[in-house]
Amino acid sequence: MKVNSTVYKGIEFIEISTLPNEQRTSLLQTINPELLIKILVDGKLMPRCIQYKYYEEWYENSYQSSLIDKKESNAIAESRDAELKPNFQI
């Protein structure tokens, strides 16, 4: 599920630490580290953020498609397993 953005002084971003664990891991492994930004919000430094437009692009083009691929692989494996099970009637 795509997370909601935060807007501060016109910058729409997400804090990477707030992502679900699976998304956080995948995002950090696949994006260009130069896209990470630091934002100072009310005197507090938020060190690992990314602009929301880059997160959306990653989510739609990388993460979501990998979820679809996993679902398709699981469906194929399940149908293959069903074909391999003996059809005994006692």
PDB file of N, CA and C in Angstrom:
ATOM      1  N   MET A   1       0.829  -1.177   0.000  1.00  0.00           N
ATOM      2  CA  MET A   1       0.000   0.000   0.000  1.00  0.00           C
ATOM      3  C   MET A   1       0.880   1.250   0.000  1.00  0.00           C
ATOM      4  N   LYS A   2       0.552   2.161  -0.861  1.00  0.00           N
ATOM      5  CA  LYS A   2       1.314   3.397  -0.967  1.00  0.00           C
ATOM      6  C   LYS A   2       1.037   4.275   0.244  1.00  0.00           C
ATOM      7  N   VAL A   3       2.101   4.875   0.811  1.00  0.00           N
ATOM      8  CA  VAL A   3       1.935   5.733   1.981  1.00  0.00           C
ATOM      9  C   VAL A   3       1.599   7.156   1.553  1.00  0.00           C
ATOM     10  N   ASN A   4       1.056   7.925   2.477  1.00  0.00           N
ATOM     11  CA  ASN A   4       0.739   9.324   2.220  1.00  0.00           C
ATOM     12  C   ASN A   4       1.980  10.181   2.406  1.00  0.00           C
ATOM     13  N   SER A   5       1.994  11.295   1.727  1.00  0.00           N
ATOM     14  CA  SER A   5       3.138  12.198   1.796  1.00  0.00           C
ATOM     15  C   SER A   5       2.975  13.197   2.932  1.00  0.00           C
ATOM     16  N   THR A   6       4.084  13.855   3.246  1.00  0.00           N
ATOM     17  CA  THR A   6       4.106  14.995   4.155  1.00  0.00           C
ATOM     18  C   THR A   6       4.509  16.199   3.315  1.00  0.00           C
ATOM     19  N   VAL A   7       3.902  17.343   3.575  1.00  0.00           N
ATOM     20  CA  VAL A   7       4.284  18.557   2.860  1.00  0.00           C
ATOM     21  C   VAL A   7       4.785  19.557   3.883  1.00  0.00           C
ATOM     22  N   TYR A   8       5.992  20.061   3.644  1.00  0.00           N
ATOM     23  CA  TYR A   8       6.577  21.077   4.519  1.00  0.00           C
ATOM     24  C   TYR A   8       7.218  22.142   3.656  1.00  0.00           C
ATOM     25  N   LYS A   9       6.756  23.354   3.792  1.00  0.00           N
ATOM     26  CA  LYS A   9       7.248  24.491   3.002  1.00  0.00           C
ATOM     27  C   LYS A   9       7.277  24.173   1.509  1.00  0.00           C
ATOM     28  N   GLY A  10       6.214  23.543   1.050  1.00  0.00           N
ATOM     29  CA  GLY A  10       6.062  23.253  -0.367  1.00  0.00           C
ATOM     30  C   GLY A  10       6.791  22.011  -0.852  1.00  0.00           C
ATOM     31  N   ILE A  11       7.496  21.313   0.026  1.00  0.00           N
ATOM     32  CA  ILE A  11       8.208  20.095  -0.369  1.00  0.00           C
ATOM     33  C   ILE A  11       7.356  18.901   0.037  1.00  0.00           C
ATOM     34  N   GLU A  12       6.962  18.113  -0.943  1.00  0.00           N
ATOM     35  CA  GLU A  12       6.188  16.905  -0.678  1.00  0.00           C
ATOM     36  C   GLU A  12       7.166  15.741  -0.595  1.00  0.00           C
ATOM     37  N   PHE A  13       7.181  15.054   0.547  1.00  0.00           N
ATOM     38  CA  PHE A  13       8.178  14.016   0.783  1.00  0.00           C
ATOM     39  C   PHE A  13       7.618  12.924   1.682  1.00  0.00           C
ATOM     40  N   ILE A  14       8.404  11.858   1.803  1.00  0.00           N
ATOM     41  CA  ILE A  14       8.130  10.832   2.803  1.00  0.00           C
ATOM     42  C   ILE A  14       9.413  10.586   3.580  1.00  0.00           C
ATOM     43  N   GLU A  15       9.233  10.240   4.836  1.00  0.00           N
ATOM     44  CA  GLU A  15      10.352   9.837   5.681  1.00  0.00           C
ATOM     45  C   GLU A  15      10.494   8.328   5.506  1.00  0.00           C
ATOM     46  N   ILE A  16      11.644   7.879   5.069  1.00  0.00           N
ATOM     47  CA  ILE A  16      11.830   6.469   4.744  1.00  0.00           C
ATOM     48  C   ILE A  16      11.578   5.578   5.954  1.00  0.00           C
ATOM     49  N   SER A  17      11.911   6.058   7.135  1.00  0.00           N
ATOM     50  CA  SER A  17      11.718   5.237   8.338  1.00  0.00           C
ATOM     51  C   SER A  17      10.243   4.949   8.626  1.00  0.00           C
ATOM     52  N   THR A  18       9.325   5.698   8.014  1.00  0.00           N
ATOM     53  CA  THR A  18       7.903   5.475   8.254  1.00  0.00           C
ATOM     54  C   THR A  18       7.288   4.469   7.282  1.00  0.00           C
ATOM     55  N   LEU A  19       8.068   4.014   6.313  1.00  0.00           N
ATOM     56  CA  LEU A  19       7.558   3.040   5.347  1.00  0.00           C
ATOM     57  C   LEU A  19       7.404   1.667   5.993  1.00  0.00           C
ATOM     58  N   PRO A  20       6.487   0.856   5.484  1.00  0.00           N
ATOM     59  CA  PRO A  20       6.435  -0.542   5.928  1.00  0.00           C
ATOM     60  C   PRO A  20       7.793  -1.199   5.660  1.00  0.00           C
ATOM     61  N   ASN A  21       8.175  -2.124   6.492  1.00  0.00           N
ATOM     62  CA  ASN A  21       9.510  -2.722   6.447  1.00  0.00           C
ATOM     63  C   ASN A  21       9.886  -3.238   5.057  1.00  0.00           C
ATOM     64  N   GLU A  22       8.981  -3.947   4.406  1.00  0.00           N
ATOM     65  CA  GLU A  22       9.274  -4.510   3.087  1.00  0.00           C
ATOM     66  C   GLU A  22       9.550  -3.407   2.063  1.00  0.00           C
ATOM     67  N   GLN A  23       8.747  -2.333   2.100  1.00  0.00           N
ATOM     68  CA  GLN A  23       8.965  -1.216   1.176  1.00  0.00           C
ATOM     69  C   GLN A  23      10.288  -0.514   1.476  1.00  0.00           C
ATOM     70  N   ARG A  24      10.550  -0.283   2.753  1.00  0.00           N
ATOM     71  CA  ARG A  24      11.777   0.418   3.144  1.00  0.00           C
ATOM     72  C   ARG A  24      12.997  -0.339   2.636  1.00  0.00           C
ATOM     73  N   THR A  25      13.019  -1.643   2.855  1.00  0.00           N
ATOM     74  CA  THR A  25      14.154  -2.463   2.424  1.00  0.00           C
ATOM     75  C   THR A  25      14.314  -2.421   0.915  1.00  0.00           C
ATOM     76  N   SER A  26      13.221  -2.630   0.204  1.00  0.00           N
ATOM     77  CA  SER A  26      13.268  -2.644  -1.253  1.00  0.00           C
ATOM     78  C   SER A  26      13.673  -1.284  -1.816  1.00  0.00           C
ATOM     79  N   LEU A  27      13.097  -0.225  -1.282  1.00  0.00           N
ATOM     80  CA  LEU A  27      13.407   1.131  -1.755  1.00  0.00           C
ATOM     81  C   LEU A  27      14.892   1.430  -1.588  1.00  0.00           C
ATOM     82  N   LEU A  28      15.423   1.158  -0.419  1.00  0.00           N
ATOM     83  CA  LEU A  28      16.834   1.466  -0.156  1.00  0.00           C
ATOM     84  C   LEU A  28      17.777   0.626  -1.018  1.00  0.00           C
ATOM     85  N   GLN A  29      17.325  -0.554  -1.449  1.00  0.00           N
ATOM     86  CA  GLN A  29      18.155  -1.405  -2.303  1.00  0.00           C
ATOM     87  C   GLN A  29      18.089  -1.013  -3.766  1.00  0.00           C
ATOM     88  N   THR A  30      17.024  -0.323  -4.167  1.00  0.00           N
ATOM     89  CA  THR A  30      16.825  -0.105  -5.604  1.00  0.00           C
ATOM     90  C   THR A  30      16.932   1.335  -6.079  1.00  0.00           C
ATOM     91  N   ILE A  31      16.794   2.318  -5.188  1.00  0.00           N
ATOM     92  CA  ILE A  31      16.842   3.701  -5.679  1.00  0.00           C
ATOM     93  C   ILE A  31      18.271   4.230  -5.697  1.00  0.00           C
ATOM     94  N   ASN A  32      18.438   5.266  -6.446  1.00  0.00           N
ATOM     95  CA  ASN A  32      19.715   5.976  -6.478  1.00  0.00           C
ATOM     96  C   ASN A  32      19.878   6.711  -5.141  1.00  0.00           C
ATOM     97  N   PRO A  33      20.953   6.453  -4.394  1.00  0.00           N
ATOM     98  CA  PRO A  33      21.140   7.111  -3.096  1.00  0.00           C
ATOM     99  C   PRO A  33      21.182   8.635  -3.177  1.00  0.00           C
ATOM    100  N   GLU A  34      21.452   9.167  -4.362  1.00  0.00           N
ATOM    101  CA  GLU A  34      21.476  10.621  -4.526  1.00  0.00           C
ATOM    102  C   GLU A  34      20.080  11.238  -4.413  1.00  0.00           C
ATOM    103  N   LEU A  35      19.033  10.401  -4.457  1.00  0.00           N
ATOM    104  CA  LEU A  35      17.671  10.907  -4.313  1.00  0.00           C
ATOM    105  C   LEU A  35      17.288  11.141  -2.856  1.00  0.00           C
ATOM    106  N   LEU A  36      18.070  10.612  -1.937  1.00  0.00           N
ATOM    107  CA  LEU A  36      17.790  10.818  -0.514  1.00  0.00           C
ATOM    108  C   LEU A  36      18.086  12.262  -0.142  1.00  0.00           C
ATOM    109  N   ILE A  37      17.187  12.839   0.646  1.00  0.00           N
ATOM    110  CA  ILE A  37      17.365  14.232   1.065  1.00  0.00           C
ATOM    111  C   ILE A  37      17.218  14.335   2.576  1.00  0.00           C
ATOM    112  N   LYS A  38      17.737  15.419   3.121  1.00  0.00           N
ATOM    113  CA  LYS A  38      17.564  15.745   4.532  1.00  0.00           C
ATOM    114  C   LYS A  38      16.667  16.973   4.594  1.00  0.00           C
ATOM    115  N   ILE A  39      15.736  16.963   5.544  1.00  0.00           N
ATOM    116  CA  ILE A  39      14.824  18.091   5.682  1.00  0.00           C
ATOM    117  C   ILE A  39      14.836  18.538   7.137  1.00  0.00           C
ATOM    118  N   LEU A  40      14.974  19.843   7.331  1.00  0.00           N
ATOM    119  CA  LEU A  40      14.927  20.415   8.669  1.00  0.00           C
ATOM    120  C   LEU A  40      13.510  20.913   8.922  1.00  0.00           C
ATOM    121  N   VAL A  41      12.800  20.233   9.843  1.00  0.00           N
ATOM    122  CA  VAL A  41      11.412  20.569  10.147  1.00  0.00           C
ATOM    123  C   VAL A  41      11.347  21.033  11.602  1.00  0.00           C
ATOM    124  N   ASP A  42      11.020  22.300  11.800  1.00  0.00           N
ATOM    125  CA  ASP A  42      10.904  22.868  13.147  1.00  0.00           C
ATOM    126  C   ASP A  42      12.117  22.550  14.023  1.00  0.00           C
ATOM    127  N   GLY A  43      13.292  22.685  13.456  1.00  0.00           N
ATOM    128  CA  GLY A  43      14.528  22.472  14.204  1.00  0.00           C
ATOM    129  C   GLY A  43      14.951  21.020  14.325  1.00  0.00           C
ATOM    130  N   LYS A  44      14.158  20.097  13.803  1.00  0.00           N
ATOM    131  CA  LYS A  44      14.491  18.673  13.863  1.00  0.00           C
ATOM    132  C   LYS A  44      14.929  18.206  12.482  1.00  0.00           C
ATOM    133  N   LEU A  45      16.121  17.593  12.409  1.00  0.00           N
ATOM    134  CA  LEU A  45      16.641  17.102  11.139  1.00  0.00           C
ATOM    135  C   LEU A  45      16.059  15.730  10.839  1.00  0.00           C
ATOM    136  N   MET A  46      15.458  15.618   9.676  1.00  0.00           N
ATOM    137  CA  MET A  46      14.936  14.330   9.202  1.00  0.00           C
ATOM    138  C   MET A  46      15.911  13.859   8.121  1.00  0.00           C
ATOM    139  N   PRO A  47      16.797  12.917   8.470  1.00  0.00           N
ATOM    140  CA  PRO A  47      17.937  12.617   7.604  1.00  0.00           C
ATOM    141  C   PRO A  47      17.659  11.755   6.375  1.00  0.00           C
ATOM    142  N   ARG A  48      16.689  10.857   6.421  1.00  0.00           N
ATOM    143  CA  ARG A  48      16.472   9.962   5.277  1.00  0.00           C
ATOM    144  C   ARG A  48      15.064  10.143   4.739  1.00  0.00           C
ATOM    145  N   CYS A  49      14.958  11.072   3.818  1.00  0.00           N
ATOM    146  CA  CYS A  49      13.675  11.364   3.181  1.00  0.00           C
ATOM    147  C   CYS A  49      13.851  11.259   1.669  1.00  0.00           C
ATOM    148  N   ILE A  50      12.733  11.195   0.983  1.00  0.00           N
ATOM    149  CA  ILE A  50      12.752  11.177  -0.475  1.00  0.00           C
ATOM    150  C   ILE A  50      11.538  11.979  -0.947  1.00  0.00           C
ATOM    151  N   GLN A  51      11.723  12.730  -2.012  1.00  0.00           N
ATOM    152  CA  GLN A  51      10.593  13.477  -2.550  1.00  0.00           C
ATOM    153  C   GLN A  51       9.512  12.496  -2.972  1.00  0.00           C
ATOM    154  N   TYR A  52       8.275  12.880  -2.717  1.00  0.00           N
ATOM    155  CA  TYR A  52       7.149  11.972  -2.958  1.00  0.00           C
ATOM    156  C   TYR A  52       7.054  11.554  -4.417  1.00  0.00           C
ATOM    157  N   LYS A  53       7.397  12.444  -5.332  1.00  0.00           N
ATOM    158  CA  LYS A  53       7.302  12.088  -6.755  1.00  0.00           C
ATOM    159  C   LYS A  53       8.228  10.920  -7.090  1.00  0.00           C
ATOM    160  N   TYR A  54       9.406  10.852  -6.441  1.00  0.00           N
ATOM    161  CA  TYR A  54      10.331   9.739  -6.677  1.00  0.00           C
ATOM    162  C   TYR A  54       9.825   8.466  -6.015  1.00  0.00           C
ATOM    163  N   TYR A  55       9.224   8.618  -4.837  1.00  0.00           N
ATOM    164  CA  TYR A  55       8.631   7.460  -4.162  1.00  0.00           C
ATOM    165  C   TYR A  55       7.500   6.882  -5.004  1.00  0.00           C
ATOM    166  N   GLU A  56       6.615   7.745  -5.525  1.00  0.00           N
ATOM    167  CA  GLU A  56       5.498   7.283  -6.364  1.00  0.00           C
ATOM    168  C   GLU A  56       6.012   6.563  -7.605  1.00  0.00           C
ATOM    169  N   GLU A  57       7.007   7.145  -8.232  1.00  0.00           N
ATOM    170  CA  GLU A  57       7.576   6.537  -9.435  1.00  0.00           C
ATOM    171  C   GLU A  57       8.151   5.158  -9.112  1.00  0.00           C
ATOM    172  N   TRP A  58       8.915   5.085  -8.019  1.00  0.00           N
ATOM    173  CA  TRP A  58       9.484   3.805  -7.596  1.00  0.00           C
ATOM    174  C   TRP A  58       8.373   2.808  -7.280  1.00  0.00           C
ATOM    175  N   TYR A  59       7.354   3.236  -6.554  1.00  0.00           N
ATOM    176  CA  TYR A  59       6.268   2.359  -6.139  1.00  0.00           C
ATOM    177  C   TYR A  59       5.556   1.761  -7.351  1.00  0.00           C
ATOM    178  N   GLU A  60       5.233   2.600  -8.305  1.00  0.00           N
ATOM    179  CA  GLU A  60       4.471   2.150  -9.469  1.00  0.00           C
ATOM    180  C   GLU A  60       5.306   1.346 -10.457  1.00  0.00           C
ATOM    181  N   ASN A  61       6.561   1.717 -10.637  1.00  0.00           N
ATOM    182  CA  ASN A  61       7.386   1.073 -11.661  1.00  0.00           C
ATOM    183  C   ASN A  61       8.237  -0.079 -11.152  1.00  0.00           C
ATOM    184  N   SER A  62       8.535  -0.088  -9.883  1.00  0.00           N
ATOM    185  CA  SER A  62       9.424  -1.118  -9.352  1.00  0.00           C
ATOM    186  C   SER A  62       8.716  -2.000  -8.329  1.00  0.00           C
ATOM    187  N   TYR A  63       8.232  -1.389  -7.275  1.00  0.00           N
ATOM    188  CA  TYR A  63       7.674  -2.165  -6.163  1.00  0.00           C
ATOM    189  C   TYR A  63       6.379  -2.868  -6.538  1.00  0.00           C
ATOM    190  N   GLN A  64       5.443  -2.136  -7.093  1.00  0.00           N
ATOM    191  CA  GLN A  64       4.136  -2.713  -7.429  1.00  0.00           C
ATOM    192  C   GLN A  64       4.285  -3.804  -8.485  1.00  0.00           C
ATOM    193  N   SER A  65       5.137  -3.587  -9.466  1.00  0.00           N
ATOM    194  CA  SER A  65       5.326  -4.609 -10.497  1.00  0.00           C
ATOM    195  C   SER A  65       5.997  -5.847  -9.915  1.00  0.00           C
ATOM    196  N   SER A  66       6.861  -5.689  -8.913  1.00  0.00           N
ATOM    197  CA  SER A  66       7.471  -6.860  -8.284  1.00  0.00           C
ATOM    198  C   SER A  66       6.427  -7.638  -7.485  1.00  0.00           C
ATOM    199  N   LEU A  67       5.448  -6.945  -6.882  1.00  0.00           N
ATOM    200  CA  LEU A  67       4.366  -7.628  -6.179  1.00  0.00           C
ATOM    201  C   LEU A  67       3.519  -8.436  -7.157  1.00  0.00           C
ATOM    202  N   ILE A  68       3.231  -7.857  -8.314  1.00  0.00           N
ATOM    203  CA  ILE A  68       2.442  -8.550  -9.332  1.00  0.00           C
ATOM    204  C   ILE A  68       3.201  -9.778  -9.817  1.00  0.00           C
ATOM    205  N   ASP A  69       4.512  -9.627 -10.051  1.00  0.00           N
ATOM    206  CA  ASP A  69       5.335 -10.756 -10.484  1.00  0.00           C
ATOM    207  C   ASP A  69       5.312 -11.879  -9.444  1.00  0.00           C
ATOM    208  N   LYS A  70       5.389 -11.519  -8.151  1.00  0.00           N
ATOM    209  CA  LYS A  70       5.351 -12.534  -7.089  1.00  0.00           C
ATOM    210  C   LYS A  70       4.013 -13.262  -7.081  1.00  0.00           C
ATOM    211  N   LYS A  71       2.913 -12.514  -7.238  1.00  0.00           N
ATOM    212  CA  LYS A  71       1.589 -13.131  -7.247  1.00  0.00           C
ATOM    213  C   LYS A  71       1.446 -14.082  -8.428  1.00  0.00           C
ATOM    214  N   GLU A  72       1.940 -13.654  -9.592  1.00  0.00           N
ATOM    215  CA  GLU A  72       1.857 -14.505 -10.775  1.00  0.00           C
ATOM    216  C   GLU A  72       2.702 -15.752 -10.593  1.00  0.00           C
ATOM    217  N   SER A  73       3.890 -15.615 -10.022  1.00  0.00           N
ATOM    218  CA  SER A  73       4.762 -16.767  -9.775  1.00  0.00           C
ATOM    219  C   SER A  73       4.101 -17.734  -8.802  1.00  0.00           C
ATOM    220  N   ASN A  74       3.488 -17.197  -7.760  1.00  0.00           N
ATOM    221  CA  ASN A  74       2.803 -18.052  -6.786  1.00  0.00           C
ATOM    222  C   ASN A  74       1.639 -18.786  -7.432  1.00  0.00           C
ATOM    223  N   ALA A  75       0.890 -18.108  -8.282  1.00  0.00           N
ATOM    224  CA  ALA A  75      -0.253 -18.734  -8.961  1.00  0.00           C
ATOM    225  C   ALA A  75       0.223 -19.848  -9.886  1.00  0.00           C
ATOM    226  N   ILE A  76       1.322 -19.611 -10.593  1.00  0.00           N
ATOM    227  CA  ILE A  76       1.875 -20.630 -11.497  1.00  0.00           C
ATOM    228  C   ILE A  76       2.347 -21.827 -10.682  1.00  0.00           C
ATOM    229  N   ALA A  77       3.045 -21.564  -9.587  1.00  0.00           N
ATOM    230  CA  ALA A  77       3.540 -22.652  -8.736  1.00  0.00           C
ATOM    231  C   ALA A  77       2.383 -23.456  -8.158  1.00  0.00           C
ATOM    232  N   GLU A  78       1.324 -22.786  -7.734  1.00  0.00           N
ATOM    233  CA  GLU A  78       0.166 -23.481  -7.176  1.00  0.00           C
ATOM    234  C   GLU A  78      -0.511 -24.350  -8.231  1.00  0.00           C
ATOM    235  N   SER A  79      -0.648 -23.838  -9.441  1.00  0.00           N
ATOM    236  CA  SER A  79      -1.287 -24.633 -10.485  1.00  0.00           C
ATOM    237  C   SER A  79      -0.395 -25.815 -10.876  1.00  0.00           C
ATOM    238  N   ARG A  80       0.916 -25.611 -10.871  1.00  0.00           N
ATOM    239  CA  ARG A  80       1.854 -26.686 -11.177  1.00  0.00           C
ATOM    240  C   ARG A  80       1.777 -27.761 -10.094  1.00  0.00           C
ATOM    241  N   ASP A  81       1.700 -27.348  -8.833  1.00  0.00           N
ATOM    242  CA  ASP A  81       1.586 -28.290  -7.723  1.00  0.00           C
ATOM    243  C   ASP A  81       0.287 -29.080  -7.831  1.00  0.00           C
ATOM    244  N   ALA A  82      -0.787 -28.407  -8.218  1.00  0.00           N
ATOM    245  CA  ALA A  82      -2.079 -29.082  -8.360  1.00  0.00           C
ATOM    246  C   ALA A  82      -2.014 -30.128  -9.465  1.00  0.00           C
ATOM    247  N   GLU A  83      -1.306 -29.845 -10.536  1.00  0.00           N
ATOM    248  CA  GLU A  83      -1.167 -30.802 -11.642  1.00  0.00           C
ATOM    249  C   GLU A  83      -0.341 -31.990 -11.245  1.00  0.00           C
ATOM    250  N   LEU A  84       0.633 -31.807 -10.366  1.00  0.00           N
ATOM    251  CA  LEU A  84       1.539 -32.876  -9.963  1.00  0.00           C
ATOM    252  C   LEU A  84       0.950 -33.784  -8.889  1.00  0.00           C
ATOM    253  N   LYS A  85      -0.077 -33.336  -8.185  1.00  0.00           N
ATOM    254  CA  LYS A  85      -0.681 -34.163  -7.137  1.00  0.00           C
ATOM    255  C   LYS A  85      -1.416 -35.325  -7.781  1.00  0.00           C
ATOM    256  N   PRO A  86      -1.206 -36.518  -7.248  1.00  0.00           N
ATOM    257  CA  PRO A  86      -1.928 -37.667  -7.793  1.00  0.00           C
ATOM    258  C   PRO A  86      -3.429 -37.523  -7.539  1.00  0.00           C
ATOM    259  N   ASN A  87      -4.182 -37.995  -8.461  1.00  0.00           N
ATOM    260  CA  ASN A  87      -5.635 -37.899  -8.370  1.00  0.00           C
ATOM    261  C   ASN A  87      -6.197 -39.263  -7.971  1.00  0.00           C
ATOM    262  N   PHE A  88      -6.039 -39.617  -6.697  1.00  0.00           N
ATOM    263  CA  PHE A  88      -6.497 -40.904  -6.194  1.00  0.00           C
ATOM    264  C   PHE A  88      -7.892 -40.763  -5.609  1.00  0.00           C
ATOM    265  N   GLN A  89      -8.656 -41.786  -5.814  1.00  0.00           N
ATOM    266  CA  GLN A  89      -9.954 -41.880  -5.133  1.00  0.00           C
ATOM    267  C   GLN A  89     -10.008 -43.240  -4.464  1.00  0.00           C
ATOM    268  N   ILE A  90     -10.304 -43.212  -3.204  1.00  0.00           N
ATOM    269  CA  ILE A  90     -10.358 -44.469  -2.452  1.00  0.00           C
ATOM    270  C   ILE A  90     -11.784 -44.784  -2.106  1.00  0.00           C
TER     271      ILE A  90
END
